[in-house]
Amino acid sequence: MKICPECKSEIPKDALVCRYCCRRVEGKECPDCLRRVKNNANKCANCNHDFERDEAIVTFESFSATANLLATILLRNRLLPEKIDLTSNKITITTYGYFYLTTFIEEIPWEKIAGYHFQSGIFWDAVVIETKGQTSNVMKCLEKSDSHKIKEILEKMKH
């Protein structure tokens, strides 16, 4: 016999679910709500935590890229290129105003990303990130190697 961690009732030692409170006593623990779910569950039944996303984060390495200066001047009429940072928690796009007088920082949690589009140009590329409930975010004037790395990371994080 063993004790249910939720209601403290005595239950058979091979039980997966408590017969008194109907809570799962075996399986993996959800990091958000601390409830137990089946070992092969993709989402938590209680809080909808995505376990597949957690697995993708394990293989994810942070990456930063800055738009090409010449492309920024020619295509966007700006002197300060945008910067994009991809971490395990979010994507951050930083856009600088004239002479660094203003800075616009847009943070996009991975949970808000609905999809992306990759636009390939002759010299430079662009990545458009579609979000749930927000506007689209466009990172233009990217070097080919940087845009391909961003595309690779977005593909890994895709649900």
Protein backbone atom coordinates (compact mmCIF):
# COMPACT_ATOMS: atom_id res chain seq x y z
CA MET A 1 0.00 0.00 0.00
CA LYS A 2 1.03 3.63 -0.53
CA ILE A 3 -0.31 7.04 0.45
CA CYS A 4 -1.98 9.40 -2.05
CA PRO A 5 -0.02 12.70 -2.05
CA GLU A 6 -3.22 14.68 -2.60
CA CYS A 7 -5.78 13.31 -0.10
CA LYS A 8 -3.44 11.17 2.07
CA SER A 9 -5.63 8.07 1.64
CA GLU A 10 -4.10 4.62 1.58
CA ILE A 11 -4.22 3.08 -1.91
CA PRO A 12 -2.73 -0.05 -3.56
CA LYS A 13 0.97 0.35 -4.39
CA ASP A 14 0.43 -0.34 -8.13
CA ALA A 15 -2.41 2.25 -8.47
CA LEU A 16 -1.96 4.98 -11.07
CA VAL A 17 -4.96 7.03 -9.87
CA CYS A 18 -6.28 7.47 -6.32
CA ARG A 19 -9.66 5.78 -5.95
CA TYR A 20 -10.78 8.38 -3.38
CA CYS A 21 -9.86 11.74 -4.91
CA CYS A 22 -9.37 10.54 -8.53
CA ARG A 23 -5.99 12.29 -8.80
CA ARG A 24 -3.14 10.70 -10.72
CA VAL A 25 -0.42 9.46 -8.36
CA GLU A 26 2.00 8.10 -10.99
CA GLY A 27 3.41 9.80 -14.09
CA LYS A 28 5.33 12.97 -14.86
CA GLU A 29 4.73 16.20 -13.00
CA CYS A 30 3.59 19.33 -14.80
CA PRO A 31 6.05 22.18 -14.09
CA ASP A 32 3.27 24.80 -14.16
CA CYS A 33 0.51 23.35 -11.97
CA LEU A 34 2.41 20.46 -10.30
CA ARG A 35 -0.30 17.94 -11.20
CA ARG A 36 0.67 14.46 -12.37
CA VAL A 37 -0.11 13.40 -15.93
CA LYS A 38 0.53 10.25 -17.97
CA ASN A 39 4.19 9.72 -18.82
CA ASN A 40 3.43 9.92 -22.55
CA ALA A 41 1.13 13.00 -22.32
CA ASN A 42 1.82 15.86 -24.76
CA LYS A 43 -0.24 18.42 -22.79
CA CYS A 44 -1.30 18.77 -19.16
CA ALA A 45 -5.02 18.06 -18.78
CA ASN A 46 -5.26 20.63 -15.99
CA CYS A 47 -3.40 23.72 -17.28
CA ASN A 48 -2.67 22.78 -20.94
CA HIS A 49 1.12 23.00 -20.46
CA ASP A 50 2.86 21.83 -23.64
CA PHE A 51 5.43 19.09 -22.88
CA GLU A 52 6.47 18.86 -26.57
CA ARG A 53 7.60 22.49 -26.42
CA ASP A 54 9.73 21.69 -23.36
CA GLU A 55 11.47 18.96 -25.32
CA ALA A 56 12.18 21.39 -28.19
CA ILE A 57 13.70 23.92 -25.80
CA VAL A 58 16.23 21.38 -24.57
CA THR A 59 17.88 21.25 -28.02
CA PHE A 60 17.58 25.00 -28.62
CA GLU A 61 20.61 27.30 -28.43
CA SER A 62 20.14 31.06 -28.07
CA PHE A 63 20.91 33.12 -31.15
CA SER A 64 21.25 36.83 -31.96
CA ALA A 65 21.45 38.60 -35.30
CA THR A 66 21.67 42.19 -36.48
CA ALA A 67 20.31 43.39 -39.81
CA ASN A 68 22.84 44.31 -42.48
CA LEU A 69 23.76 48.00 -42.22
CA LEU A 70 23.96 48.64 -45.98
CA ALA A 71 20.60 46.94 -46.55
CA THR A 72 19.06 48.94 -43.70
CA ILE A 73 20.25 52.20 -45.25
CA LEU A 74 19.18 51.28 -48.80
CA LEU A 75 15.87 49.52 -48.13
CA ARG A 76 14.60 51.08 -44.91
CA ASN A 77 16.20 54.57 -45.03
CA ARG A 78 17.57 54.09 -41.53
CA LEU A 79 21.06 54.34 -40.09
CA LEU A 80 20.55 51.90 -37.20
CA PRO A 81 19.83 48.25 -38.02
CA GLU A 82 17.33 46.14 -36.12
CA LYS A 83 18.45 43.34 -33.82
CA ILE A 84 16.75 40.00 -33.11
CA ASP A 85 17.43 37.74 -30.12
CA LEU A 86 16.01 34.22 -29.91
CA THR A 87 16.12 32.58 -26.48
CA SER A 88 14.35 29.59 -25.00
CA ASN A 89 11.65 31.87 -23.53
CA LYS A 90 10.98 34.44 -26.23
CA ILE A 91 11.97 36.32 -29.36
CA THR A 92 13.04 39.93 -28.85
CA ILE A 93 13.15 42.37 -31.77
CA THR A 94 14.85 45.68 -31.02
CA THR A 95 14.33 48.66 -33.33
CA TYR A 96 16.29 51.85 -32.71
CA GLY A 97 15.03 55.34 -33.47
CA TYR A 98 17.16 58.08 -34.98
CA PHE A 99 20.47 58.51 -33.15
CA TYR A 100 19.31 56.06 -30.43
CA LEU A 101 16.86 58.67 -29.10
CA THR A 102 14.16 56.00 -28.91
CA THR A 103 14.23 52.24 -28.70
CA PHE A 104 11.30 49.96 -29.43
CA ILE A 105 11.65 46.49 -27.94
CA GLU A 106 9.06 43.88 -28.87
CA GLU A 107 9.10 40.66 -26.87
CA ILE A 108 7.23 37.69 -28.29
CA PRO A 109 6.80 34.63 -26.05
CA TRP A 110 6.99 31.34 -27.95
CA GLU A 111 3.42 30.54 -26.87
CA LYS A 112 2.16 33.56 -28.86
CA ILE A 113 3.75 32.53 -32.15
CA ALA A 114 1.18 31.30 -34.68
CA GLY A 115 3.56 30.85 -37.62
CA TYR A 116 6.21 32.48 -39.75
CA HIS A 117 7.06 33.30 -43.36
CA PHE A 118 10.52 33.30 -44.84
CA GLN A 119 11.18 35.79 -47.64
CA SER A 120 14.34 35.21 -49.63
CA GLY A 121 15.86 38.04 -51.62
CA ILE A 122 18.86 38.22 -53.95
CA PHE A 123 21.18 39.71 -51.33
CA TRP A 124 19.22 39.82 -48.05
CA ASP A 125 16.30 37.95 -46.52
CA ALA A 126 13.36 38.75 -44.26
CA VAL A 127 11.46 36.75 -41.66
CA VAL A 128 7.83 37.57 -40.84
CA ILE A 129 6.63 36.22 -37.49
CA GLU A 130 2.84 35.84 -37.14
CA THR A 131 1.51 36.03 -33.59
CA LYS A 132 -1.74 35.18 -31.84
CA GLY A 133 -3.54 38.35 -30.83
CA GLN A 134 -0.73 40.70 -31.88
CA THR A 135 0.49 42.25 -35.09
CA SER A 136 2.95 40.57 -37.43
CA ASN A 137 6.62 41.23 -36.77
CA VAL A 138 9.00 41.65 -39.69
CA MET A 139 12.76 41.38 -39.44
CA LYS A 140 14.18 42.66 -42.76
CA CYS A 141 17.67 43.08 -44.19
CA LEU A 142 19.05 39.87 -42.72
CA GLU A 143 22.22 38.21 -43.96
CA LYS A 144 21.46 34.88 -45.66
CA SER A 145 23.28 32.83 -42.99
CA ASP A 146 21.42 34.61 -40.15
CA SER A 147 18.01 34.22 -41.77
CA HIS A 148 18.57 30.51 -42.38
CA LYS A 149 19.58 30.04 -38.73
CA ILE A 150 16.46 31.92 -37.58
CA LYS A 151 14.32 29.79 -39.91
CA GLU A 152 15.93 26.63 -38.51
CA ILE A 153 15.19 27.71 -34.91
CA LEU A 154 11.58 28.66 -35.75
CA GLU A 155 11.11 25.26 -37.38
CA LYS A 156 12.43 23.49 -34.26
CA MET A 157 10.10 25.47 -32.00
CA LYS A 158 7.07 24.94 -34.25
CA HIS A 159 4.34 22.83 -32.62
